[in-house]
C-alpha atoms as a PDB file:
ATOM      1  CA  GLU A   1      68.347  46.070 238.057  1.00  0.00           C
ATOM      2  CA  ARG A   2      67.931  46.885 235.133  1.00  0.00           C
ATOM      3  CA  MET A   3      70.773  48.722 233.073  1.00  0.00           C
ATOM      4  CA  HIS A   4      70.797  51.116 230.050  1.00  0.00           C
ATOM      5  CA  LEU A   5      73.083  51.602 227.311  1.00  0.00           C
ATOM      6  CA  ARG A   6      74.853  54.884 227.357  1.00  0.00           C
ATOM      7  CA  ALA A   7      76.365  55.547 223.731  1.00  0.00           C
ATOM      8  CA  ILE A   8      78.170  58.543 222.673  1.00  0.00           C
ATOM      9  CA  GLY A   9      79.317  59.002 219.047  1.00  0.00           C
ATOM     10  CA  ALA A  10      82.714  59.221 217.773  1.00  0.00           C
ATOM     11  CA  ALA A  11      84.891  58.790 214.598  1.00  0.00           C
ATOM     12  CA  PHE A  12      84.767  55.320 212.827  1.00  0.00           C
ATOM     13  CA  CYS A  13      88.591  54.998 212.330  1.00  0.00           C
ATOM     14  CA  SER A  14      88.701  54.259 208.596  1.00  0.00           C
ATOM     15  CA  LEU A  15      86.456  57.062 207.432  1.00  0.00           C
ATOM     16  CA  GLY A  16      87.244  59.651 209.934  1.00  0.00           C
ATOM     17  CA  ALA A  17      83.607  60.630 209.833  1.00  0.00           C
ATOM     18  CA  PRO A  18      82.820  62.922 212.498  1.00  0.00           C
ATOM     19  CA  ASP A  19      79.176  61.605 213.332  1.00  0.00           C
ATOM     20  CA  ALA A  20      79.536  57.831 214.281  1.00  0.00           C
ATOM     21  CA  ASN A  21      75.816  57.271 213.615  1.00  0.00           C
ATOM     22  CA  ASP A  22      76.281  58.189 209.629  1.00  0.00           C
ATOM     23  CA  ALA A  23      79.352  56.147 209.355  1.00  0.00           C
ATOM     24  CA  PRO A  24      78.950  52.391 207.825  1.00  0.00           C
ATOM     25  CA  ARG A  25      79.959  49.707 210.401  1.00  0.00           C
ATOM     26  CA  PRO A  26      82.611  47.639 209.909  1.00  0.00           C
ATOM     27  CA  ILE A  27      82.007  44.262 209.034  1.00  0.00           C
ATOM     28  CA  ILE A  28      82.363  41.535 211.797  1.00  0.00           C
ATOM     29  CA  PRO A  29      84.428  38.455 210.768  1.00  0.00           C
ATOM     30  CA  PHE A  30      82.983  35.141 211.418  1.00  0.00           C
ATOM     31  CA  ASN A  31      85.879  33.953 213.516  1.00  0.00           C
ATOM     32  CA  SER A  32      85.455  36.935 215.902  1.00  0.00           C
ATOM     33  CA  PHE A  33      84.623  36.009 219.481  1.00  0.00           C
ATOM     34  CA  ALA A  34      81.209  37.610 218.890  1.00  0.00           C
ATOM     35  CA  HIS A  35      80.068  35.548 216.215  1.00  0.00           C
ATOM     36  CA  GLN A  36      81.802  32.447 217.927  1.00  0.00           C
ATOM     37  CA  SER A  37      79.875  33.121 221.192  1.00  0.00           C
ATOM     38  CA  SER A  38      76.886  33.174 219.246  1.00  0.00           C
ATOM     39  CA  PHE A  39      77.075  29.917 217.636  1.00  0.00           C
ATOM     40  CA  ARG A  40      77.721  28.266 221.017  1.00  0.00           C
ATOM     41  CA  ASP A  41      74.918  30.095 222.903  1.00  0.00           C
ATOM     42  CA  GLY A  42      72.291  29.282 220.283  1.00  0.00           C
ATOM     43  CA  PHE A  43      71.852  32.349 218.388  1.00  0.00           C
ATOM     44  CA  GLU A  44      72.407  33.189 214.707  1.00  0.00           C
ATOM     45  CA  ILE A  45      73.741  36.846 213.813  1.00  0.00           C
ATOM     46  CA  GLN A  46      71.822  38.274 210.526  1.00  0.00           C
ATOM     47  CA  PRO A  47      70.262  41.441 208.900  1.00  0.00           C
ATOM     48  CA  ALA A  48      67.853  42.933 211.316  1.00  0.00           C
ATOM     49  CA  PRO A  49      64.434  44.290 209.968  1.00  0.00           C
ATOM     50  CA  ASP A  50      63.571  48.047 209.710  1.00  0.00           C
ATOM     51  CA  GLY A  51      67.069  48.905 209.108  1.00  0.00           C
ATOM     52  CA  LYS A  52      68.332  48.243 212.054  1.00  0.00           C
ATOM     53  CA  GLY A  53      71.932  46.764 210.849  1.00  0.00           C
ATOM     54  CA  MET A  54      73.001  43.283 212.173  1.00  0.00           C
ATOM     55  CA  GLY A  55      70.695  41.601 214.628  1.00  0.00           C
ATOM     56  CA  ALA A  56      70.936  38.331 216.860  1.00  0.00           C
ATOM     57  CA  PHE A  57      68.066  35.822 216.689  1.00  0.00           C
ATOM     58  CA  SER A  58      67.278  32.690 218.864  1.00  0.00           C
ATOM     59  CA  THR A  59      67.773  29.427 217.194  1.00  0.00           C
ATOM     60  CA  VAL A  60      65.827  27.646 220.288  1.00  0.00           C
ATOM     61  CA  ILE A  61      63.090  27.874 222.549  1.00  0.00           C
ATOM     62  CA  ILE A  62      64.118  30.249 225.698  1.00  0.00           C
ATOM     63  CA  ALA A  63      62.417  30.153 228.918  1.00  0.00           C
ATOM     64  CA  LYS A  64      60.920  33.137 230.489  1.00  0.00           C
ATOM     65  CA  GLY A  65      63.431  34.442 233.229  1.00  0.00           C
ATOM     66  CA  ALA A  66      66.592  32.288 231.212  1.00  0.00           C
ATOM     67  CA  THR A  67      69.965  34.089 231.159  1.00  0.00           C
ATOM     68  CA  LEU A  68      70.983  34.368 227.556  1.00  0.00           C
ATOM     69  CA  GLY A  69      74.337  35.636 227.469  1.00  0.00           C
ATOM     70  CA  GLU A  70      76.986  37.921 229.033  1.00  0.00           C
ATOM     71  CA  TYR A  71      77.357  41.540 227.759  1.00  0.00           C
ATOM     72  CA  THR A  72      81.201  41.109 227.718  1.00  0.00           C
ATOM     73  CA  GLY A  73      83.930  43.665 226.059  1.00  0.00           C
ATOM     74  CA  GLU A  74      86.720  45.686 227.266  1.00  0.00           C
ATOM     75  CA  VAL A  75      86.784  47.199 230.542  1.00  0.00           C
ATOM     76  CA  LEU A  76      86.962  50.983 229.933  1.00  0.00           C
ATOM     77  CA  THR A  77      87.897  53.956 232.810  1.00  0.00           C
ATOM     78  CA  ARG A  78      86.035  57.401 232.702  1.00  0.00           C
ATOM     79  CA  LYS A  79      89.390  59.073 231.563  1.00  0.00           C
ATOM     80  CA  GLU A  80      89.757  56.281 228.964  1.00  0.00           C
ATOM     81  CA  VAL A  81      86.165  57.165 227.584  1.00  0.00           C
ATOM     82  CA  GLU A  82      86.474  60.626 227.388  1.00  0.00           C
ATOM     83  CA  ALA A  83      89.774  60.647 225.420  1.00  0.00           C
ATOM     84  CA  ARG A  84      88.576  57.631 223.011  1.00  0.00           C
ATOM     85  CA  TYR A  85      84.923  58.412 222.626  1.00  0.00           C
ATOM     86  CA  TRP A  86      83.896  61.571 224.247  1.00  0.00           C
ATOM     87  CA  GLY A  87      86.720  63.797 222.884  1.00  0.00           C
ATOM     88  CA  THR A  88      86.612  65.765 226.400  1.00  0.00           C
ATOM     89  CA  ARG A  89      90.260  64.622 227.530  1.00  0.00           C
ATOM     90  CA  LYS A  90      93.661  64.769 225.173  1.00  0.00           C
ATOM     91  CA  GLU A  91      94.350  61.144 224.039  1.00  0.00           C
ATOM     92  CA  ASN A  92      97.715  59.837 225.622  1.00  0.00           C
ATOM     93  CA  LYS A  93     100.031  57.233 224.070  1.00  0.00           C
ATOM     94  CA  HIS A  94      97.893  54.441 225.124  1.00  0.00           C
ATOM     95  CA  ASP A  95      94.848  55.723 223.838  1.00  0.00           C
ATOM     96  CA  ARG A  96      96.590  56.248 220.290  1.00  0.00           C
ATOM     97  CA  LYS A  97      97.863  52.897 220.463  1.00  0.00           C
ATOM     98  CA  TRP A  98      94.296  51.430 221.625  1.00  0.00           C
ATOM     99  CA  ARG A  99      93.074  53.524 218.057  1.00  0.00           C
ATOM    100  CA  LYS A 100      95.870  52.106 215.769  1.00  0.00           C
ATOM    101  CA  SER A 101      94.678  48.318 216.840  1.00  0.00           C
ATOM    102  CA  ARG A 102      91.199  48.906 216.476  1.00  0.00           C
ATOM    103  CA  CYS A 103      92.032  50.628 213.055  1.00  0.00           C
ATOM    104  CA  GLN A 104      94.159  47.980 212.014  1.00  0.00           C
ATOM    105  CA  ARG A 105      91.613  45.145 212.839  1.00  0.00           C
ATOM    106  CA  LYS A 106      88.744  47.126 211.358  1.00  0.00           C
ATOM    107  CA  GLN A 107      87.128  47.572 214.761  1.00  0.00           C
ATOM    108  CA  GLY A 108      84.927  50.284 214.794  1.00  0.00           C
ATOM    109  CA  ILE A 109      85.143  53.234 217.430  1.00  0.00           C
ATOM    110  CA  SER A 110      81.777  54.668 217.578  1.00  0.00           C
ATOM    111  CA  GLY A 111      81.152  54.582 221.244  1.00  0.00           C
ATOM    112  CA  ASP A 112      77.863  52.570 220.518  1.00  0.00           C
ATOM    113  CA  TYR A 113      78.302  50.093 222.776  1.00  0.00           C
ATOM    114  CA  LEU A 114      79.341  51.624 226.096  1.00  0.00           C
ATOM    115  CA  PHE A 115      77.456  50.690 228.908  1.00  0.00           C
ATOM    116  CA  ASP A 116      77.820  52.836 232.018  1.00  0.00           C
ATOM    117  CA  MET A 117      78.661  50.624 235.031  1.00  0.00           C
ATOM    118  CA  GLY A 118      78.679  53.310 237.343  1.00  0.00           C
ATOM    119  CA  ASN A 119      81.899  53.913 239.474  1.00  0.00           C
ATOM    120  CA  ASP A 120      83.654  55.696 236.572  1.00  0.00           C
ATOM    121  CA  LEU A 121      83.588  52.154 234.687  1.00  0.00           C
ATOM    122  CA  PHE A 122      82.339  51.269 231.352  1.00  0.00           C
ATOM    123  CA  ILE A 123      82.195  47.899 229.264  1.00  0.00           C
ATOM    124  CA  ASP A 124      82.863  48.643 225.493  1.00  0.00           C
ATOM    125  CA  GLY A 125      81.386  46.352 223.517  1.00  0.00           C
ATOM    126  CA  GLU A 126      82.299  47.227 220.087  1.00  0.00           C
ATOM    127  CA  ASP A 127      85.495  45.308 219.719  1.00  0.00           C
ATOM    128  CA  ALA A 128      84.248  42.045 218.437  1.00  0.00           C
ATOM    129  CA  ASP A 129      87.208  40.037 219.298  1.00  0.00           C
ATOM    130  CA  VAL A 130      86.543  40.698 222.866  1.00  0.00           C
ATOM    131  CA  SER A 131      82.869  41.208 222.709  1.00  0.00           C
ATOM    132  CA  SER A 132      80.036  38.553 223.106  1.00  0.00           C
ATOM    133  CA  TRP A 133      77.033  38.025 220.674  1.00  0.00           C
ATOM    134  CA  CYS A 134      75.097  40.444 223.178  1.00  0.00           C
ATOM    135  CA  ARG A 135      76.663  43.386 220.990  1.00  0.00           C
ATOM    136  CA  PHE A 136      74.104  42.389 218.530  1.00  0.00           C
ATOM    137  CA  ALA A 137      70.963  42.676 220.510  1.00  0.00           C
ATOM    138  CA  ASN A 138      69.071  46.006 218.987  1.00  0.00           C
ATOM    139  CA  HIS A 139      66.649  48.320 220.647  1.00  0.00           C
ATOM    140  CA  ALA A 140      63.013  47.810 220.970  1.00  0.00           C
ATOM    141  CA  ASP A 141      60.610  49.838 223.029  1.00  0.00           C
ATOM    142  CA  GLU A 142      59.283  48.061 226.239  1.00  0.00           C
ATOM    143  CA  LEU A 143      55.795  48.453 224.438  1.00  0.00           C
ATOM    144  CA  ASN A 144      55.191  48.129 220.758  1.00  0.00           C
ATOM    145  CA  ASP A 145      53.047  51.187 219.435  1.00  0.00           C
ATOM    146  CA  GLU A 146      49.685  49.559 220.119  1.00  0.00           C
ATOM    147  CA  GLY A 147      50.373  49.223 223.746  1.00  0.00           C
ATOM    148  CA  GLU A 148      51.127  45.425 223.435  1.00  0.00           C
ATOM    149  CA  ASP A 149      54.257  43.836 224.587  1.00  0.00           C
ATOM    150  CA  ASP A 150      54.375  40.934 221.738  1.00  0.00           C
ATOM    151  CA  VAL A 151      56.452  42.620 219.431  1.00  0.00           C
ATOM    152  CA  ALA A 152      58.589  44.752 221.796  1.00  0.00           C
ATOM    153  CA  CYS A 153      61.434  44.084 223.866  1.00  0.00           C
ATOM    154  CA  ASN A 154      62.048  40.416 224.958  1.00  0.00           C
ATOM    155  CA  VAL A 155      64.950  40.813 227.140  1.00  0.00           C
ATOM    156  CA  GLU A 156      66.328  43.088 229.680  1.00  0.00           C
ATOM    157  CA  VAL A 157      69.790  43.647 230.982  1.00  0.00           C
ATOM    158  CA  ARG A 158      70.592  42.833 234.720  1.00  0.00           C
ATOM    159  CA  ARG A 159      74.043  43.442 236.560  1.00  0.00           C
ATOM    160  CA  ARG A 160      75.257  40.881 238.825  1.00  0.00           C
ATOM    161  CA  LEU A 161      78.215  41.048 241.317  1.00  0.00           C
ATOM    162  CA  SER A 162      80.878  38.289 241.158  1.00  0.00           C
ATOM    163  CA  TRP A 163      84.394  37.866 242.503  1.00  0.00           C
ATOM    164  CA  ASP A 164      87.333  36.940 240.140  1.00  0.00           C
ATOM    165  CA  GLU A 165      90.505  34.696 241.034  1.00  0.00           C
ATOM    166  CA  ASP A 166      91.527  37.636 243.293  1.00  0.00           C
ATOM    167  CA  GLU A 167      88.802  37.674 245.418  1.00  0.00           C
ATOM    168  CA  GLN A 168      88.119  41.379 243.753  1.00  0.00           C
ATOM    169  CA  GLN A 169      84.233  42.466 243.048  1.00  0.00           C
ATOM    170  CA  GLN A 170      83.510  42.503 239.240  1.00  0.00           C
ATOM    171  CA  LEU A 171      79.866  43.822 238.131  1.00  0.00           C
ATOM    172  CA  ARG A 172      78.650  42.018 235.122  1.00  0.00           C
ATOM    173  CA  LEU A 173      76.197  42.341 232.508  1.00  0.00           C
ATOM    174  CA  PHE A 174      73.336  39.705 231.147  1.00  0.00           C
ATOM    175  CA  LEU A 175      70.524  39.621 228.921  1.00  0.00           C
ATOM    176  CA  VAL A 176      67.622  37.734 230.770  1.00  0.00           C
ATOM    177  CA  ALA A 177      64.210  37.029 229.046  1.00  0.00           C
ATOM    178  CA  LEU A 178      61.347  38.759 229.661  1.00  0.00           C
ATOM    179  CA  ARG A 179      59.429  35.916 228.741  1.00  0.00           C
ATOM    180  CA  GLU A 180      59.144  32.752 226.355  1.00  0.00           C
ATOM    181  CA  ILE A 181      61.349  33.599 223.049  1.00  0.00           C
ATOM    182  CA  GLU A 182      60.512  31.322 219.968  1.00  0.00           C
ATOM    183  CA  PRO A 183      63.263  30.246 217.445  1.00  0.00           C
ATOM    184  CA  GLY A 184      63.875  32.773 215.064  1.00  0.00           C
ATOM    185  CA  THR A 185      62.704  35.628 217.301  1.00  0.00           C
ATOM    186  CA  GLU A 186      65.184  39.073 217.225  1.00  0.00           C
ATOM    187  CA  ILE A 187      66.622  39.610 220.481  1.00  0.00           C
ATOM    188  CA  CYS A 188      65.935  43.089 221.770  1.00  0.00           C
ATOM    189  CA  TYR A 189      65.712  45.270 224.991  1.00  0.00           C
ATOM    190  CA  ASP A 190      65.018  48.707 225.459  1.00  0.00           C
ATOM    191  CA  TYR A 191      68.104  50.674 225.095  1.00  0.00           C
ATOM    192  CA  GLY A 192      66.966  53.585 227.728  1.00  0.00           C
ATOM    193  CA  GLY A 193      66.616  57.122 227.320  1.00  0.00           C
ATOM    194  CA  GLU A 194      70.262  57.895 227.816  1.00  0.00           C
ATOM    195  CA  TYR A 195      70.997  56.482 224.294  1.00  0.00           C
ATOM    196  CA  TRP A 196      68.633  58.154 222.236  1.00  0.00           C
END
């Protein structure tokens, strides 16, 4: 089943900017889990074209239907998202501690990396210390302006059910190749209408 990124802007902690989309992004250190997972999985993180910020680029040939990686991050409840990103609920001491930690570690708090998983749960891929390289996959339309798919999105997000050590169900997100992907190709998927 296809999933769409749901992002709601919030302040960038270092600058206190009211609109996260205008705030500069923090620099993600190379020793972060996000970068380390890219090396492990065969991707390079580098500046993307067209002002999209950083992007993930394949370093190997990827077969159609292959799973490229898991979109990981902190699992948040709706109440936490409402307080930390949407501003529709008052922050409690845990929310303030979370914000302080993000700021001290120079991690963003834009809300641009939230995946709505349903059941009032979200995956927040913004913290590069706990999120995978998949956070760097940028948006592309399903088809380019000419109606061709050769330079448009080349992966889709799929969710899969798994079980943890305590036999609890977990819904997880994965990037899956829609076609063969050549080395040097930027990994992109359609964020969906909710994002924009």
